[in-house]
Protein backbone atom coordinates (compact mmCIF):
# COMPACT_ATOMS: atom_id res chain seq x y z
CA MET A 1 8.74 20.66 11.89
CA THR A 2 6.87 20.72 8.51
CA LYS A 3 8.37 23.94 7.14
CA HIS A 4 10.97 21.95 5.14
CA ILE A 5 8.48 19.31 3.69
CA LYS A 6 7.75 19.58 0.15
CA ALA A 7 6.49 16.01 -0.69
CA VAL A 8 3.92 13.86 1.06
CA PHE A 9 3.88 10.13 0.29
CA LEU A 10 0.97 7.94 1.33
CA ASP A 11 0.55 4.28 2.05
CA LEU A 12 -2.47 2.56 0.57
CA GLY A 13 -3.99 -0.10 2.74
CA ASN A 14 -5.56 1.26 5.94
CA THR A 15 -4.28 4.75 5.05
CA LEU A 16 -5.52 5.96 1.68
CA ARG A 17 -7.91 3.01 1.05
CA MET A 18 -10.03 0.91 3.48
CA LEU A 19 -11.18 -2.59 2.95
CA VAL A 20 -14.97 -3.11 2.86
CA ASN A 21 -16.48 -6.53 3.55
CA ASP A 22 -18.71 -7.17 0.44
CA GLU A 23 -19.66 -10.85 0.11
CA GLU A 24 -21.22 -10.58 -3.36
CA HIS A 25 -17.96 -8.88 -4.65
CA MET A 26 -15.82 -11.43 -2.92
CA GLN A 27 -17.77 -14.42 -4.24
CA ARG A 28 -17.47 -13.13 -7.79
CA ALA A 29 -13.72 -12.98 -7.26
CA ARG A 30 -13.43 -16.55 -5.82
CA LEU A 31 -15.48 -17.97 -8.70
CA GLU A 32 -13.25 -16.15 -11.26
CA ILE A 33 -10.08 -17.55 -9.59
CA THR A 34 -11.33 -21.11 -9.86
CA ARG A 35 -12.18 -20.51 -13.48
CA LEU A 36 -8.85 -19.04 -14.34
CA VAL A 37 -6.97 -21.91 -12.61
CA GLY A 38 -9.25 -24.45 -14.24
CA THR A 39 -10.54 -26.30 -11.24
CA ASN A 40 -13.97 -27.49 -10.26
CA GLU A 41 -13.24 -27.41 -6.51
CA ASP A 42 -15.50 -25.31 -4.35
CA PRO A 43 -14.36 -21.71 -4.60
CA VAL A 44 -14.65 -21.04 -0.91
CA SER A 45 -12.42 -24.20 -0.13
CA PHE A 46 -10.00 -23.47 -2.94
CA CYS A 47 -9.49 -19.81 -1.91
CA ALA A 48 -9.10 -20.83 1.81
CA ARG A 49 -6.18 -22.98 0.75
CA LEU A 50 -4.77 -20.08 -1.35
CA ASP A 51 -5.03 -17.85 1.81
CA GLU A 52 -2.85 -20.37 3.77
CA ARG A 53 -0.28 -20.49 0.93
CA TYR A 54 -0.20 -16.78 0.77
CA LYS A 55 0.80 -16.68 4.41
CA ASP A 56 3.88 -18.66 3.53
CA TYR A 57 4.62 -16.30 0.62
CA ARG A 58 4.36 -13.31 2.92
CA LYS A 59 6.72 -14.85 5.46
CA TRP A 60 9.31 -15.09 2.71
CA ALA A 61 8.51 -11.70 1.28
CA PHE A 62 8.96 -10.10 4.66
CA ALA A 63 12.08 -12.01 5.40
CA GLU A 64 13.76 -11.05 2.21
CA LEU A 65 12.16 -7.71 1.89
CA THR A 66 11.44 -8.64 -1.71
CA GLU A 67 8.22 -8.90 -3.78
CA ALA A 68 8.24 -11.76 -6.18
CA SER A 69 6.75 -11.28 -9.74
CA GLU A 70 3.17 -12.38 -10.03
CA GLU A 71 4.29 -15.31 -12.15
CA GLU A 72 6.73 -16.54 -9.52
CA MET A 73 4.27 -16.15 -6.73
CA TRP A 74 1.61 -18.18 -8.38
CA THR A 75 3.73 -20.86 -9.80
CA ARG A 76 5.97 -21.27 -6.83
CA TRP A 77 3.75 -20.60 -3.84
CA MET A 78 0.05 -20.40 -4.67
CA THR A 79 -0.70 -23.04 -7.33
CA PRO A 80 2.49 -25.12 -7.87
CA GLU A 81 0.52 -28.18 -8.77
CA TYR A 82 -0.96 -26.69 -11.90
CA PRO A 83 0.77 -26.34 -15.17
CA ALA A 84 3.34 -23.46 -14.87
CA GLU A 85 2.71 -22.41 -18.50
CA HIS A 86 -1.03 -21.99 -17.99
CA ILE A 87 -0.60 -20.31 -14.64
CA THR A 88 2.07 -17.88 -15.86
CA ALA A 89 -0.36 -16.64 -18.70
CA VAL A 90 -3.13 -15.85 -16.09
CA ALA A 91 -1.06 -14.74 -13.15
CA GLY A 92 -1.71 -11.06 -13.51
CA GLU A 93 -5.60 -11.63 -13.56
CA LEU A 94 -5.29 -14.24 -10.66
CA THR A 95 -3.49 -11.62 -8.42
CA TYR A 96 -6.15 -9.10 -9.24
CA GLN A 97 -9.01 -11.45 -8.40
CA PHE A 98 -7.23 -12.73 -5.32
CA ARG A 99 -7.09 -9.11 -3.98
CA GLN A 100 -10.75 -8.72 -4.77
CA SER A 101 -11.57 -11.77 -2.96
CA LYS A 102 -10.59 -10.03 0.34
CA GLY A 103 -13.17 -7.32 -0.16
CA ARG A 104 -13.83 -4.15 -1.85
CA ARG A 105 -11.38 -1.24 -1.42
CA VAL A 106 -12.67 2.33 -1.06
CA LEU A 107 -11.04 5.76 -0.61
CA VAL A 108 -10.66 6.69 3.06
CA ASP A 109 -13.17 9.21 4.39
CA GLY A 110 -11.84 12.57 3.33
CA GLY A 111 -9.44 11.16 1.01
CA ARG A 112 -10.25 13.15 -2.16
CA GLU A 113 -10.65 16.41 -0.16
CA VAL A 114 -7.14 15.89 1.44
CA ILE A 115 -5.47 14.96 -1.83
CA GLU A 116 -6.94 17.82 -3.66
CA GLU A 117 -6.14 20.34 -0.95
CA LEU A 118 -2.49 19.24 -0.42
CA ASP A 119 -2.01 19.49 -4.09
CA ARG A 120 -3.58 22.99 -4.07
CA ARG A 121 -1.22 24.00 -1.26
CA GLY A 122 1.70 23.01 -3.47
CA TYR A 123 2.90 19.66 -2.05
CA THR A 124 4.27 16.96 -4.44
CA LEU A 125 2.26 13.80 -3.84
CA GLY A 126 3.24 10.13 -4.04
CA ILE A 127 2.33 6.68 -3.06
CA ILE A 128 4.73 4.00 -1.47
CA SER A 129 3.02 0.70 -0.81
CA ASN A 130 3.72 -3.03 -0.42
CA LEU A 131 1.38 -4.56 -2.91
CA ILE A 132 0.95 -7.74 -5.03
CA GLY A 133 -0.14 -7.09 -8.49
CA LYS A 134 0.64 -4.34 -11.05
CA ARG A 135 -2.64 -3.38 -12.61
CA GLU A 136 -4.95 -2.68 -9.73
CA ILE A 137 -3.59 0.65 -8.59
CA PRO A 138 -3.06 2.40 -11.94
CA GLU A 139 -6.54 1.29 -13.06
CA TRP A 140 -8.03 2.54 -9.68
CA LEU A 141 -6.21 5.92 -9.83
CA LYS A 142 -7.46 6.46 -13.51
CA ALA A 143 -10.89 5.39 -12.76
CA ASP A 144 -11.30 7.62 -9.73
CA GLY A 145 -9.64 10.63 -11.45
CA LEU A 146 -6.67 10.69 -9.12
CA GLU A 147 -3.90 9.79 -11.44
CA SER A 148 -2.74 13.37 -12.14
CA TYR A 149 -2.26 14.06 -8.39
CA PHE A 150 0.62 11.59 -7.79
CA LYS A 151 3.87 12.36 -9.30
CA SER A 152 5.60 9.12 -7.97
CA VAL A 153 3.85 5.80 -7.44
CA MET A 154 6.06 3.06 -5.97
CA LEU A 155 4.51 -0.33 -5.55
CA SER A 156 6.70 -3.26 -4.33
CA SER A 157 5.05 -5.41 -7.09
CA VAL A 158 6.67 -3.12 -9.65
CA TYR A 159 9.93 -2.18 -7.86
CA GLY A 160 10.69 -5.56 -6.42
CA ARG A 161 11.71 -4.37 -2.90
CA ARG A 162 9.30 -4.14 -0.07
CA LYS A 163 9.00 -1.76 2.87
CA PRO A 164 10.82 -1.17 5.16
CA HIS A 165 13.79 -1.52 2.77
CA PRO A 166 15.03 2.04 2.45
CA SER A 167 15.57 1.88 -1.39
CA ILE A 168 11.85 1.95 -2.08
CA TYR A 169 11.57 5.27 -0.29
CA LEU A 170 14.77 6.67 -1.76
CA GLU A 171 13.59 5.75 -5.38
CA ALA A 172 10.16 7.19 -4.66
CA ALA A 173 11.60 10.56 -3.64
CA ARG A 174 14.08 10.44 -6.52
CA ARG A 175 11.15 9.97 -9.04
CA ALA A 176 9.27 12.89 -7.32
CA GLY A 177 12.37 15.05 -7.69
CA VAL A 178 12.57 15.78 -3.98
CA GLU A 179 15.27 15.09 -1.42
CA ALA A 180 14.51 12.57 1.02
CA ALA A 181 14.77 14.94 3.97
CA GLU A 182 12.03 17.04 2.30
CA CYS A 183 9.63 14.13 2.27
CA ALA A 184 6.98 12.99 4.75
CA TYR A 185 5.39 9.49 4.71
CA VAL A 186 1.84 8.68 6.05
CA GLY A 187 1.25 4.98 6.81
CA ASP A 188 -0.31 2.73 9.43
CA ASN A 189 2.35 0.25 10.54
CA LEU A 190 4.71 1.35 13.39
CA LYS A 191 7.30 -1.30 12.34
CA ARG A 192 7.55 -1.07 8.49
CA ASP A 193 6.37 2.55 8.14
CA VAL A 194 8.60 4.07 10.70
CA THR A 195 11.91 2.23 10.47
CA GLY A 196 11.96 2.30 6.70
CA THR A 197 11.46 6.01 6.45
CA ARG A 198 13.97 6.72 9.23
CA ASP A 199 16.62 4.54 7.45
CA ALA A 200 15.84 6.39 4.15
CA GLY A 201 16.28 9.77 5.76
CA PHE A 202 12.73 11.00 5.33
CA GLY A 203 12.07 14.21 7.12
CA MET A 204 8.85 13.12 8.73
CA VAL A 205 6.73 10.05 9.40
CA ILE A 206 3.00 10.08 10.41
CA ILE A 207 1.06 7.02 11.51
CA MET A 208 -2.66 6.83 11.42
CA LEU A 209 -4.25 4.46 14.09
CA THR A 210 -7.60 4.22 15.61
CA PRO A 211 -7.73 5.06 19.30
CA ALA A 212 -8.25 1.35 20.01
CA GLU A 213 -5.20 0.48 18.00
CA LEU A 214 -3.16 3.07 19.67
CA ALA A 215 -4.13 1.83 23.06
CA GLU A 216 -2.79 -1.66 22.11
CA ALA A 217 0.39 -0.34 20.41
CA ASP A 218 3.82 -0.87 21.75
CA ILE A 219 5.60 2.41 20.96
CA THR A 220 9.35 2.57 21.51
CA ASP A 221 12.15 4.83 20.68
CA GLU A 222 12.73 2.80 17.46
CA ASN A 223 9.29 2.97 16.17
CA ARG A 224 8.03 6.30 17.50
CA PRO A 225 6.49 8.42 14.59
CA ASP A 226 6.56 12.18 14.59
CA ARG A 227 2.85 12.31 14.65
CA ILE A 228 0.00 9.96 15.33
CA ILE A 229 -3.32 10.84 13.75
CA HIS A 230 -6.75 9.10 13.98
CA ASP A 231 -8.41 10.77 11.07
CA PHE A 232 -6.99 11.22 7.40
CA ARG A 233 -8.31 14.82 7.43
CA ALA A 234 -5.79 15.79 10.19
CA LEU A 235 -3.19 15.82 7.44
CA LEU A 236 -4.47 19.28 6.46
CA ASP A 237 -3.60 20.54 9.92
CA ILE A 238 -0.09 19.13 9.75
CA PHE A 239 0.67 20.45 6.24
CA PRO A 240 -0.63 23.95 5.82
CA GLY A 241 1.66 24.62 2.91
CA PRO A 242 5.39 24.64 2.21
CA GLY A 243 7.21 27.19 4.27
CA LEU A 244 4.23 27.55 6.73
CA ALA A 245 4.13 26.45 10.38
CA PRO A 246 1.73 23.61 11.16
CA ARG A 247 -1.48 24.15 13.01
CA ASP A 248 -1.82 22.31 16.24
C-alpha cells in the first residue's frame, strides 16, 4: 500500500507534539494575557472566561471550516468589550500566550528520530494542522532545528481554511510538489483527519490512538483509516522508503 507514497504529512496536536501540564508555565502565560489586555482581574478567572468564549469560537470555526484571523478572533469572540484598536495591536501575542496557558508542548517520544529517518529514506515531509496563531510553529521549528525537514507547512491560521476541508490538504500537497494520491497523512482524529484526507484524494491516512482511546472509538466505514498506530515510531515500519514494501 505504501509503494506509491512519496510524501508524509503530520498533524501537530496529539500526533507530533504532546501537551504537558506545567503550572508555572501556564501561570506566566495567564499573567501576560491580563497584562496585554490591560485588566486587573484575577488571571485565573479571566482566562477561565476566555476558555468559555473560545468554545463558542471553535463551534463557529468547525461549522464554517474556517479559521478567523487573530485580530478577528480576539475582537469578535474573546475580548469584544475591550477597545478594538488596542486588542488588534496585541492579538498575535495574545494568541501565543493563550496557547501557552494550556500547557507546554513537547515533541512526541521518538519524534526527532522518525522525522530524521523518514527524511533520510527520501520522503517529502510536511505539516497540516488546525491551529490558531501564526508565530508559534515557525518559531518552534526553528528553535528545535526541525525547520529544514518540512517542505510544506499548512496551518489553518495562515491558510484560513480548517480540516477537514479538502482544500487545505490539496494546497499542502501542491506546495510540496507531490500529487495528492502520493501523500499520506498522520493524525489523531477519526472524523477530521480521515474524512478530509479521503475527500482530498490522499493515498493513505494513519491515525495514532492510545489503546484506551481505540477501545472507546466508534470506527465506521466513513472514518476508518488505513492504519492505526499507538506509537509514533511505528511510522518507520509503515514507511520503509519510496518503492519499498512496508514491514508488518
